[in-house]
Structure formats: C-alpha cells, structure tokens
Amino acid sequence: MKQNEITQLSDADLKSRIGLFEEQLGKMKLSHRVTPMENPMQIRTLRKSIARLKTELNKRNAQA
C-alpha cells in the first residue's frame, strides 16, 4: 500500500487491515516453508505494508 492511501484510512480500517495482513503473512510463511514460493519477495512487501500501517496507527495514537 502507498503511504497516501494509508493516511486516508480510518483507525478502524487500519486495525482491520493490520489483522488481515498479519493473517496473510502467517499463511505465506507457512506455505513458503512447506513448498518454496515462486516469488518470496511478496513476504517482504507484505511485512513492510504491515509496518507502514502500524506506524500510521502509532502516529495517530501519539497525537491523540
């Protein structure tokens, strides 16, 4: 996700997306251990997206 997309999301949307992405990340890691993925860079991009979402959520909580 792009940063400008993330800033437009509400707090509830951020929390739901974090949960969804973390679930996907767990499934991707497990499937990659069993049978190597064709494009393992997807794991890295998903992990970075989760970090961006969490950073935005923490920034909003610090301002409140």
PDB file of N, CA and C in Angstrom:
ATOM      1  N   MET A   1       0.836  -1.180   0.000  1.00  0.00           N
ATOM      2  CA  MET A   1       0.000   0.000   0.000  1.00  0.00           C
ATOM      3  C   MET A   1       0.880   1.242   0.000  1.00  0.00           C
ATOM      4  N   LYS A   2       0.408   2.254  -0.658  1.00  0.00           N
ATOM      5  CA  LYS A   2       1.113   3.526  -0.698  1.00  0.00           C
ATOM      6  C   LYS A   2       0.790   4.330   0.556  1.00  0.00           C
ATOM      7  N   GLN A   3       1.710   5.198   0.947  1.00  0.00           N
ATOM      8  CA  GLN A   3       1.537   5.980   2.164  1.00  0.00           C
ATOM      9  C   GLN A   3       0.317   6.895   2.086  1.00  0.00           C
ATOM     10  N   ASN A   4       0.069   7.494   0.908  1.00  0.00           N
ATOM     11  CA  ASN A   4      -1.085   8.395   0.805  1.00  0.00           C
ATOM     12  C   ASN A   4      -2.404   7.629   0.918  1.00  0.00           C
ATOM     13  N   GLU A   5      -2.435   6.359   0.538  1.00  0.00           N
ATOM     14  CA  GLU A   5      -3.625   5.531   0.736  1.00  0.00           C
ATOM     15  C   GLU A   5      -3.835   5.248   2.223  1.00  0.00           C
ATOM     16  N   ILE A   6      -2.745   5.002   2.916  1.00  0.00           N
ATOM     17  CA  ILE A   6      -2.806   4.657   4.335  1.00  0.00           C
ATOM     18  C   ILE A   6      -3.306   5.841   5.164  1.00  0.00           C
ATOM     19  N   THR A   7      -2.864   7.042   4.843  1.00  0.00           N
ATOM     20  CA  THR A   7      -3.258   8.205   5.623  1.00  0.00           C
ATOM     21  C   THR A   7      -4.746   8.513   5.479  1.00  0.00           C
ATOM     22  N   GLN A   8      -5.374   8.043   4.420  1.00  0.00           N
ATOM     23  CA  GLN A   8      -6.792   8.297   4.204  1.00  0.00           C
ATOM     24  C   GLN A   8      -7.695   7.295   4.916  1.00  0.00           C
ATOM     25  N   LEU A   9      -7.126   6.227   5.455  1.00  0.00           N
ATOM     26  CA  LEU A   9      -7.920   5.211   6.140  1.00  0.00           C
ATOM     27  C   LEU A   9      -8.288   5.663   7.556  1.00  0.00           C
ATOM     28  N   SER A  10      -9.410   5.155   8.049  1.00  0.00           N
ATOM     29  CA  SER A  10      -9.803   5.442   9.427  1.00  0.00           C
ATOM     30  C   SER A  10      -9.050   4.501  10.372  1.00  0.00           C
ATOM     31  N   ASP A  11      -9.133   4.781  11.664  1.00  0.00           N
ATOM     32  CA  ASP A  11      -8.448   3.939  12.649  1.00  0.00           C
ATOM     33  C   ASP A  11      -8.966   2.502  12.612  1.00  0.00           C
ATOM     34  N   ALA A  12     -10.272   2.345  12.480  1.00  0.00           N
ATOM     35  CA  ALA A  12     -10.851   1.006  12.433  1.00  0.00           C
ATOM     36  C   ALA A  12     -10.372   0.254  11.197  1.00  0.00           C
ATOM     37  N   ASP A  13     -10.278   0.950  10.069  1.00  0.00           N
ATOM     38  CA  ASP A  13      -9.783   0.320   8.852  1.00  0.00           C
ATOM     39  C   ASP A  13      -8.323  -0.095   9.000  1.00  0.00           C
ATOM     40  N   LEU A  14      -7.538   0.750   9.645  1.00  0.00           N
ATOM     41  CA  LEU A  14      -6.133   0.413   9.868  1.00  0.00           C
ATOM     42  C   LEU A  14      -6.012  -0.870  10.697  1.00  0.00           C
ATOM     43  N   LYS A  15      -6.779  -0.942  11.772  1.00  0.00           N
ATOM     44  CA  LYS A  15      -6.714  -2.117  12.639  1.00  0.00           C
ATOM     45  C   LYS A  15      -7.171  -3.379  11.918  1.00  0.00           C
ATOM     46  N   SER A  16      -8.223  -3.269  11.115  1.00  0.00           N
ATOM     47  CA  SER A  16      -8.710  -4.447  10.404  1.00  0.00           C
ATOM     48  C   SER A  16      -7.718  -4.893   9.329  1.00  0.00           C
ATOM     49  N   ARG A  17      -7.106  -3.931   8.651  1.00  0.00           N
ATOM     50  CA  ARG A  17      -6.122  -4.283   7.617  1.00  0.00           C
ATOM     51  C   ARG A  17      -4.881  -4.907   8.244  1.00  0.00           C
ATOM     52  N   ILE A  18      -4.461  -4.399   9.403  1.00  0.00           N
ATOM     53  CA  ILE A  18      -3.304  -4.983  10.085  1.00  0.00           C
ATOM     54  C   ILE A  18      -3.593  -6.445  10.410  1.00  0.00           C
ATOM     55  N   GLY A  19      -4.765  -6.712  10.958  1.00  0.00           N
ATOM     56  CA  GLY A  19      -5.128  -8.081  11.289  1.00  0.00           C
ATOM     57  C   GLY A  19      -5.177  -8.972  10.063  1.00  0.00           C
ATOM     58  N   LEU A  20      -5.758  -8.471   8.998  1.00  0.00           N
ATOM     59  CA  LEU A  20      -5.871  -9.234   7.761  1.00  0.00           C
ATOM     60  C   LEU A  20      -4.492  -9.525   7.169  1.00  0.00           C
ATOM     61  N   PHE A  21      -3.637  -8.501   7.121  1.00  0.00           N
ATOM     62  CA  PHE A  21      -2.306  -8.675   6.540  1.00  0.00           C
ATOM     63  C   PHE A  21      -1.440  -9.601   7.391  1.00  0.00           C
ATOM     64  N   GLU A  22      -1.567  -9.515   8.714  1.00  0.00           N
ATOM     65  CA  GLU A  22      -0.784 -10.408   9.576  1.00  0.00           C
ATOM     66  C   GLU A  22      -1.212 -11.860   9.388  1.00  0.00           C
ATOM     67  N   GLU A  23      -2.508 -12.064   9.199  1.00  0.00           N
ATOM     68  CA  GLU A  23      -3.006 -13.415   8.932  1.00  0.00           C
ATOM     69  C   GLU A  23      -2.460 -13.934   7.603  1.00  0.00           C
ATOM     70  N   GLN A  24      -2.478 -13.085   6.579  1.00  0.00           N
ATOM     71  CA  GLN A  24      -1.937 -13.475   5.279  1.00  0.00           C
ATOM     72  C   GLN A  24      -0.442 -13.774   5.374  1.00  0.00           C
ATOM     73  N   LEU A  25       0.280 -12.969   6.146  1.00  0.00           N
ATOM     74  CA  LEU A  25       1.713 -13.167   6.300  1.00  0.00           C
ATOM     75  C   LEU A  25       2.008 -14.518   6.945  1.00  0.00           C
ATOM     76  N   GLY A  26       1.254 -14.860   7.957  1.00  0.00           N
ATOM     77  CA  GLY A  26       1.440 -16.164   8.606  1.00  0.00           C
ATOM     78  C   GLY A  26       1.210 -17.308   7.635  1.00  0.00           C
ATOM     79  N   LYS A  27       0.166 -17.205   6.829  1.00  0.00           N
ATOM     80  CA  LYS A  27      -0.119 -18.250   5.847  1.00  0.00           C
ATOM     81  C   LYS A  27       0.967 -18.327   4.784  1.00  0.00           C
ATOM     82  N   MET A  28       1.453 -17.159   4.355  1.00  0.00           N
ATOM     83  CA  MET A  28       2.506 -17.140   3.335  1.00  0.00           C
ATOM     84  C   MET A  28       3.795 -17.764   3.861  1.00  0.00           C
ATOM     85  N   LYS A  29       4.153 -17.447   5.104  1.00  0.00           N
ATOM     86  CA  LYS A  29       5.366 -18.004   5.687  1.00  0.00           C
ATOM     87  C   LYS A  29       5.271 -19.523   5.810  1.00  0.00           C
ATOM     88  N   LEU A  30       4.110 -20.003   6.238  1.00  0.00           N
ATOM     89  CA  LEU A  30       3.920 -21.436   6.388  1.00  0.00           C
ATOM     90  C   LEU A  30       3.995 -22.138   5.038  1.00  0.00           C
ATOM     91  N   SER A  31       3.313 -21.601   4.049  1.00  0.00           N
ATOM     92  CA  SER A  31       3.333 -22.233   2.732  1.00  0.00           C
ATOM     93  C   SER A  31       4.722 -22.158   2.110  1.00  0.00           C
ATOM     94  N   HIS A  32       5.480 -21.115   2.417  1.00  0.00           N
ATOM     95  CA  HIS A  32       6.836 -20.996   1.884  1.00  0.00           C
ATOM     96  C   HIS A  32       7.765 -22.028   2.516  1.00  0.00           C
ATOM     97  N   ARG A  33       7.523 -22.364   3.770  1.00  0.00           N
ATOM     98  CA  ARG A  33       8.342 -23.391   4.429  1.00  0.00           C
ATOM     99  C   ARG A  33       8.061 -24.761   3.840  1.00  0.00           C
ATOM    100  N   VAL A  34       6.790 -25.022   3.533  1.00  0.00           N
ATOM    101  CA  VAL A  34       6.406 -26.334   3.018  1.00  0.00           C
ATOM    102  C   VAL A  34       6.893 -26.494   1.576  1.00  0.00           C
ATOM    103  N   THR A  35       6.492 -25.569   0.725  1.00  0.00           N
ATOM    104  CA  THR A  35       6.944 -25.574  -0.664  1.00  0.00           C
ATOM    105  C   THR A  35       7.385 -24.155  -0.999  1.00  0.00           C
ATOM    106  N   PRO A  36       8.615 -23.987  -1.435  1.00  0.00           N
ATOM    107  CA  PRO A  36       9.111 -22.637  -1.721  1.00  0.00           C
ATOM    108  C   PRO A  36       8.219 -21.882  -2.706  1.00  0.00           C
ATOM    109  N   MET A  37       7.987 -20.616  -2.377  1.00  0.00           N
ATOM    110  CA  MET A  37       7.142 -19.778  -3.219  1.00  0.00           C
ATOM    111  C   MET A  37       7.891 -19.396  -4.490  1.00  0.00           C
ATOM    112  N   GLU A  38       7.133 -19.107  -5.528  1.00  0.00           N
ATOM    113  CA  GLU A  38       7.733 -18.679  -6.776  1.00  0.00           C
ATOM    114  C   GLU A  38       8.343 -17.290  -6.627  1.00  0.00           C
ATOM    115  N   ASN A  39       7.657 -16.413  -5.849  1.00  0.00           N
ATOM    116  CA  ASN A  39       8.153 -15.061  -5.636  1.00  0.00           C
ATOM    117  C   ASN A  39       8.173 -14.768  -4.129  1.00  0.00           C
ATOM    118  N   PRO A  40       9.255 -15.101  -3.433  1.00  0.00           N
ATOM    119  CA  PRO A  40       9.315 -14.877  -1.989  1.00  0.00           C
ATOM    120  C   PRO A  40       9.383 -13.407  -1.594  1.00  0.00           C
ATOM    121  N   MET A  41       9.570 -12.503  -2.556  1.00  0.00           N
ATOM    122  CA  MET A  41       9.593 -11.068  -2.258  1.00  0.00           C
ATOM    123  C   MET A  41       8.221 -10.587  -1.787  1.00  0.00           C
ATOM    124  N   GLN A  42       7.168 -11.349  -2.057  1.00  0.00           N
ATOM    125  CA  GLN A  42       5.827 -10.991  -1.593  1.00  0.00           C
ATOM    126  C   GLN A  42       5.786 -10.933  -0.072  1.00  0.00           C
ATOM    127  N   ILE A  43       6.543 -11.805   0.577  1.00  0.00           N
ATOM    128  CA  ILE A  43       6.594 -11.820   2.037  1.00  0.00           C
ATOM    129  C   ILE A  43       7.165 -10.497   2.539  1.00  0.00           C
ATOM    130  N   ARG A  44       8.231 -10.032   1.912  1.00  0.00           N
ATOM    131  CA  ARG A  44       8.862  -8.786   2.328  1.00  0.00           C
ATOM    132  C   ARG A  44       7.937  -7.593   2.126  1.00  0.00           C
ATOM    133  N   THR A  45       7.268  -7.529   0.985  1.00  0.00           N
ATOM    134  CA  THR A  45       6.385  -6.392   0.717  1.00  0.00           C
ATOM    135  C   THR A  45       5.200  -6.381   1.678  1.00  0.00           C
ATOM    136  N   LEU A  46       4.676  -7.561   2.009  1.00  0.00           N
ATOM    137  CA  LEU A  46       3.566  -7.631   2.955  1.00  0.00           C
ATOM    138  C   LEU A  46       4.019  -7.211   4.348  1.00  0.00           C
ATOM    139  N   ARG A  47       5.207  -7.637   4.734  1.00  0.00           N
ATOM    140  CA  ARG A  47       5.751  -7.257   6.042  1.00  0.00           C
ATOM    141  C   ARG A  47       5.955  -5.738   6.126  1.00  0.00           C
ATOM    142  N   LYS A  48       6.420  -5.139   5.044  1.00  0.00           N
ATOM    143  CA  LYS A  48       6.619  -3.694   5.032  1.00  0.00           C
ATOM    144  C   LYS A  48       5.289  -2.948   5.057  1.00  0.00           C
ATOM    145  N   SER A  49       4.277  -3.494   4.400  1.00  0.00           N
ATOM    146  CA  SER A  49       2.955  -2.872   4.435  1.00  0.00           C
ATOM    147  C   SER A  49       2.392  -2.881   5.854  1.00  0.00           C
ATOM    148  N   ILE A  50       2.584  -3.992   6.560  1.00  0.00           N
ATOM    149  CA  ILE A  50       2.133  -4.075   7.951  1.00  0.00           C
ATOM    150  C   ILE A  50       2.855  -3.028   8.795  1.00  0.00           C
ATOM    151  N   ALA A  51       4.141  -2.869   8.572  1.00  0.00           N
ATOM    152  CA  ALA A  51       4.916  -1.883   9.326  1.00  0.00           C
ATOM    153  C   ALA A  51       4.417  -0.469   9.048  1.00  0.00           C
ATOM    154  N   ARG A  52       4.093  -0.176   7.798  1.00  0.00           N
ATOM    155  CA  ARG A  52       3.577   1.150   7.461  1.00  0.00           C
ATOM    156  C   ARG A  52       2.244   1.411   8.151  1.00  0.00           C
ATOM    157  N   LEU A  53       1.371   0.401   8.160  1.00  0.00           N
ATOM    158  CA  LEU A  53       0.071   0.554   8.813  1.00  0.00           C
ATOM    159  C   LEU A  53       0.237   0.775  10.316  1.00  0.00           C
ATOM    160  N   LYS A  54       1.106  -0.008  10.937  1.00  0.00           N
ATOM    161  CA  LYS A  54       1.324   0.134  12.377  1.00  0.00           C
ATOM    162  C   LYS A  54       1.944   1.481  12.715  1.00  0.00           C
ATOM    163  N   THR A  55       2.836   1.961  11.872  1.00  0.00           N
ATOM    164  CA  THR A  55       3.460   3.259  12.095  1.00  0.00           C
ATOM    165  C   THR A  55       2.422   4.369  12.053  1.00  0.00           C
ATOM    166  N   GLU A  56       1.536   4.315  11.079  1.00  0.00           N
ATOM    167  CA  GLU A  56       0.487   5.330  10.971  1.00  0.00           C
ATOM    168  C   GLU A  56      -0.442   5.277  12.179  1.00  0.00           C
ATOM    169  N   LEU A  57      -0.797   4.082  12.631  1.00  0.00           N
ATOM    170  CA  LEU A  57      -1.671   3.934  13.786  1.00  0.00           C
ATOM    171  C   LEU A  57      -0.989   4.481  15.045  1.00  0.00           C
ATOM    172  N   ASN A  58       0.288   4.177  15.227  1.00  0.00           N
ATOM    173  CA  ASN A  58       1.033   4.691  16.383  1.00  0.00           C
ATOM    174  C   ASN A  58       1.152   6.213  16.324  1.00  0.00           C
ATOM    175  N   LYS A  59       1.354   6.749  15.143  1.00  0.00           N
ATOM    176  CA  LYS A  59       1.460   8.197  14.986  1.00  0.00           C
ATOM    177  C   LYS A  59       0.158   8.871  15.378  1.00  0.00           C
ATOM    178  N   ARG A  60      -0.957   8.294  14.975  1.00  0.00           N
ATOM    179  CA  ARG A  60      -2.266   8.856  15.331  1.00  0.00           C
ATOM    180  C   ARG A  60      -2.533   8.762  16.825  1.00  0.00           C
ATOM    181  N   ASN A  61      -2.134   7.632  17.443  1.00  0.00           N
ATOM    182  CA  ASN A  61      -2.343   7.473  18.878  1.00  0.00           C
ATOM    183  C   ASN A  61      -1.479   8.452  19.674  1.00  0.00           C
ATOM    184  N   ALA A  62      -0.292   8.760  19.174  1.00  0.00           N
ATOM    185  CA  ALA A  62       0.589   9.696  19.861  1.00  0.00           C
ATOM    186  C   ALA A  62       0.031  11.126  19.795  1.00  0.00           C
ATOM    187  N   GLN A  63      -0.638  11.451  18.722  1.00  0.00           N
ATOM    188  CA  GLN A  63      -1.216  12.782  18.574  1.00  0.00           C
ATOM    189  C   GLN A  63      -2.453  12.980  19.439  1.00  0.00           C
ATOM    190  N   ALA A  64      -3.157  11.891  19.711  1.00  0.00           N
ATOM    191  CA  ALA A  64      -4.410  11.996  20.477  1.00  0.00           C
ATOM    192  C   ALA A  64      -4.160  12.177  21.955  1.00  0.00           C
TER     193      ALA A  64
END
